[in-house]
Amino acid sequence: MPAVFRSIEPGDLGRVLAINAANVPEVGAVDAARLRYLVDESTFAIAVDLDDLLVGFCLVLAPGSDYTSVNYRWFMEHHPTSVYLDRVAIDEAVRGRGIGSDLYAEVDRRMRAETPDSTELTLEVNADPPNEPSLRFHRRLGFREVGRQMSHGIEVSLMSRPVGWTSA
């Protein structure tokens, strides 16, 4: 059965929090209150269901948020027409099934439909210490490094991909 993408609902927050916690340090740790804030600030807060179980999520913020993340702020200063993917996490039990690639295609579809002035999707990946699987995954999906900075004691690769990117 293919993955289903839908908006995160209040009843999903416990499961989203658990998936987030299982993916630290690749994604930043959050508590329930901070997660609720991030979901509320997100332009897209997408849940991924597989066989009626929430197995992943992503949170995407458009320009204009009051989010104080140093990475979000960097992109808003240097790439002001970008949409920022703050966090994405997939349950380890279902990785390797193409869900991540499909989720990014869904983000791109929503960007074109709901934020038509957006020119690119931006995000950061841990560079030192490196998150090699994530760096490879994002490069394969057309992301290129546009900067680096320190974030919470970790050097991150600031990455960007144009809206509508395809490998063809």
Protein backbone atom coordinates (compact mmCIF):
# COMPACT_ATOMS: atom_id res chain seq x y z
CA MET A 1 0.00 0.00 0.00
CA PRO A 2 1.45 3.43 -0.91
CA ALA A 3 2.13 6.11 1.66
CA VAL A 4 -0.62 8.66 2.30
CA PHE A 5 0.28 12.30 2.90
CA ARG A 6 -2.02 14.46 4.99
CA SER A 7 -1.86 17.40 7.36
CA ILE A 8 -0.75 16.73 10.92
CA GLU A 9 -3.70 16.78 13.32
CA PRO A 10 -3.62 17.48 17.08
CA GLY A 11 -4.05 13.78 17.86
CA ASP A 12 -0.85 13.02 15.90
CA LEU A 13 1.47 15.04 18.11
CA GLY A 14 2.41 12.21 20.49
CA ARG A 15 3.46 9.95 17.62
CA VAL A 16 5.25 12.81 15.83
CA LEU A 17 7.12 13.60 19.06
CA ALA A 18 8.18 9.93 19.37
CA ILE A 19 9.41 9.78 15.76
CA ASN A 20 11.28 13.06 16.26
CA ALA A 21 12.93 11.76 19.46
CA ALA A 22 14.00 8.55 17.71
CA ASN A 23 15.76 10.66 15.04
CA VAL A 24 17.83 12.93 17.32
CA PRO A 25 20.55 14.16 16.60
CA GLU A 26 19.68 14.15 12.87
CA VAL A 27 16.76 16.37 13.83
CA GLY A 28 16.78 18.65 16.83
CA ALA A 29 15.21 17.53 20.08
CA VAL A 30 11.87 19.17 20.96
CA ASP A 31 9.38 18.90 23.76
CA ALA A 32 5.61 18.77 23.26
CA ALA A 33 5.11 22.52 23.63
CA ARG A 34 7.86 23.36 21.12
CA LEU A 35 6.52 20.78 18.67
CA ARG A 36 3.02 22.27 18.90
CA TYR A 37 4.51 25.72 18.20
CA LEU A 38 6.43 24.40 15.17
CA VAL A 39 3.36 22.68 13.75
CA ASP A 40 1.33 25.86 14.22
CA GLU A 41 4.02 27.99 12.52
CA SER A 42 4.38 25.59 9.60
CA THR A 43 2.94 26.37 6.21
CA PHE A 44 2.85 22.62 5.66
CA ALA A 45 2.88 20.16 8.56
CA ILE A 46 2.69 16.85 6.75
CA ALA A 47 2.04 13.44 8.30
CA VAL A 48 2.99 10.27 6.44
CA ASP A 49 0.71 7.28 6.95
CA LEU A 50 1.51 3.75 5.87
CA ASP A 51 -1.08 1.04 6.49
CA ASP A 52 -3.01 3.50 8.72
CA LEU A 53 0.02 4.13 10.97
CA LEU A 54 1.81 7.48 11.15
CA VAL A 55 5.39 6.63 10.12
CA GLY A 56 6.87 10.03 9.31
CA PHE A 57 6.40 13.77 9.12
CA CYS A 58 7.88 17.01 7.92
CA LEU A 59 7.46 20.64 8.91
CA VAL A 60 7.89 23.39 6.32
CA LEU A 61 7.91 27.14 7.00
CA ALA A 62 7.40 29.95 4.52
CA PRO A 63 8.80 33.48 4.81
CA GLY A 64 7.24 35.66 7.47
CA SER A 65 7.34 33.27 10.41
CA ASP A 66 8.58 34.52 13.76
CA TYR A 67 10.54 31.26 14.15
CA THR A 68 13.91 32.08 15.72
CA SER A 69 15.98 29.18 14.34
CA VAL A 70 19.39 30.45 13.22
CA ASN A 71 19.11 28.30 10.09
CA TYR A 72 15.64 29.58 9.18
CA ARG A 73 16.84 33.16 9.76
CA TRP A 74 19.92 32.58 7.57
CA PHE A 75 17.76 31.37 4.69
CA MET A 76 15.28 34.24 5.08
CA GLU A 77 18.18 36.69 4.87
CA HIS A 78 20.05 35.01 1.99
CA HIS A 79 17.20 33.25 0.12
CA PRO A 80 14.11 35.33 0.98
CA THR A 81 11.82 33.63 -1.56
CA SER A 82 12.58 30.16 -0.25
CA VAL A 83 10.44 27.80 1.77
CA TYR A 84 12.33 26.18 4.65
CA LEU A 85 12.03 22.51 5.58
CA ASP A 86 12.66 22.65 9.31
CA ARG A 87 12.54 18.95 10.07
CA VAL A 88 11.73 15.65 8.44
CA ALA A 89 11.82 12.22 10.06
CA ILE A 90 10.78 8.74 9.02
CA ASP A 91 10.36 5.77 11.36
CA GLU A 92 13.43 3.55 11.00
CA ALA A 93 11.25 0.46 10.47
CA VAL A 94 10.01 1.77 7.09
CA ARG A 95 13.12 3.45 5.69
CA GLY A 96 14.37 2.37 2.29
CA ARG A 97 10.90 2.17 0.72
CA GLY A 98 11.03 5.49 -1.15
CA ILE A 99 8.83 7.28 1.39
CA GLY A 100 11.33 10.12 1.85
CA SER A 101 11.56 10.80 -1.89
CA ASP A 102 7.77 10.69 -2.19
CA LEU A 103 7.44 13.07 0.76
CA TYR A 104 9.74 15.60 -0.90
CA ALA A 105 7.69 15.32 -4.10
CA GLU A 106 4.59 16.09 -1.99
CA VAL A 107 6.31 19.13 -0.46
CA ASP A 108 7.19 20.33 -3.95
CA ARG A 109 3.60 19.80 -5.14
CA ARG A 110 2.25 21.79 -2.19
CA MET A 111 4.80 24.55 -2.73
CA ARG A 112 3.72 25.03 -6.35
CA ALA A 113 0.03 25.00 -5.37
CA GLU A 114 0.07 26.94 -2.09
CA THR A 115 3.20 29.14 -2.17
CA PRO A 116 3.51 29.98 -5.89
CA ASP A 117 6.00 32.81 -5.25
CA SER A 118 8.47 30.40 -3.66
CA THR A 119 11.54 29.76 -5.78
CA GLU A 120 13.33 27.08 -3.80
CA LEU A 121 13.16 24.58 -0.97
CA THR A 122 15.88 25.01 1.65
CA LEU A 123 17.10 22.96 4.59
CA GLU A 124 20.21 22.05 6.54
CA VAL A 125 21.98 18.75 7.13
CA ASN A 126 24.61 18.04 9.77
CA ALA A 127 28.03 18.38 8.12
CA ASP A 128 30.35 18.04 11.15
CA PRO A 129 29.79 15.56 12.50
CA PRO A 130 28.47 14.50 9.11
CA ASN A 131 25.13 12.85 8.50
CA GLU A 132 26.39 11.05 5.39
CA PRO A 133 23.15 9.17 4.57
CA SER A 134 21.17 12.42 4.66
CA LEU A 135 23.79 14.34 2.68
CA ARG A 136 23.74 11.64 -0.05
CA PHE A 137 19.93 11.51 -0.05
CA HIS A 138 19.58 15.27 -0.43
CA ARG A 139 22.25 15.51 -3.14
CA ARG A 140 20.44 12.76 -5.06
CA LEU A 141 17.27 14.87 -4.82
CA GLY A 142 19.02 17.88 -6.35
CA PHE A 143 20.00 19.83 -3.24
CA ARG A 144 23.25 21.78 -3.39
CA GLU A 145 25.19 23.41 -0.59
CA VAL A 146 24.76 27.19 -0.54
CA GLY A 147 26.50 27.88 2.77
CA ARG A 148 27.66 26.51 6.12
CA GLN A 149 27.27 27.68 9.67
CA MET A 150 27.40 26.51 13.27
CA SER A 151 24.06 25.54 14.78
CA HIS A 152 23.86 24.32 18.38
CA GLY A 153 27.50 23.21 18.32
CA ILE A 154 27.17 21.34 15.01
CA GLU A 155 28.37 22.59 11.64
CA VAL A 156 25.53 22.34 9.15
CA SER A 157 25.44 22.32 5.37
CA LEU A 158 22.82 24.83 4.24
CA MET A 159 21.22 23.35 1.13
CA SER A 160 18.80 24.48 -1.57
CA ARG A 161 16.89 23.03 -4.51
CA PRO A 162 14.72 24.89 -7.03
CA VAL A 163 10.96 24.34 -6.94
CA GLY A 164 9.96 21.77 -9.53
CA TRP A 165 13.37 20.12 -9.63
CA THR A 166 13.48 16.80 -11.43
CA SER A 167 16.35 14.43 -12.07
CA ALA A 168 15.48 14.17 -15.77
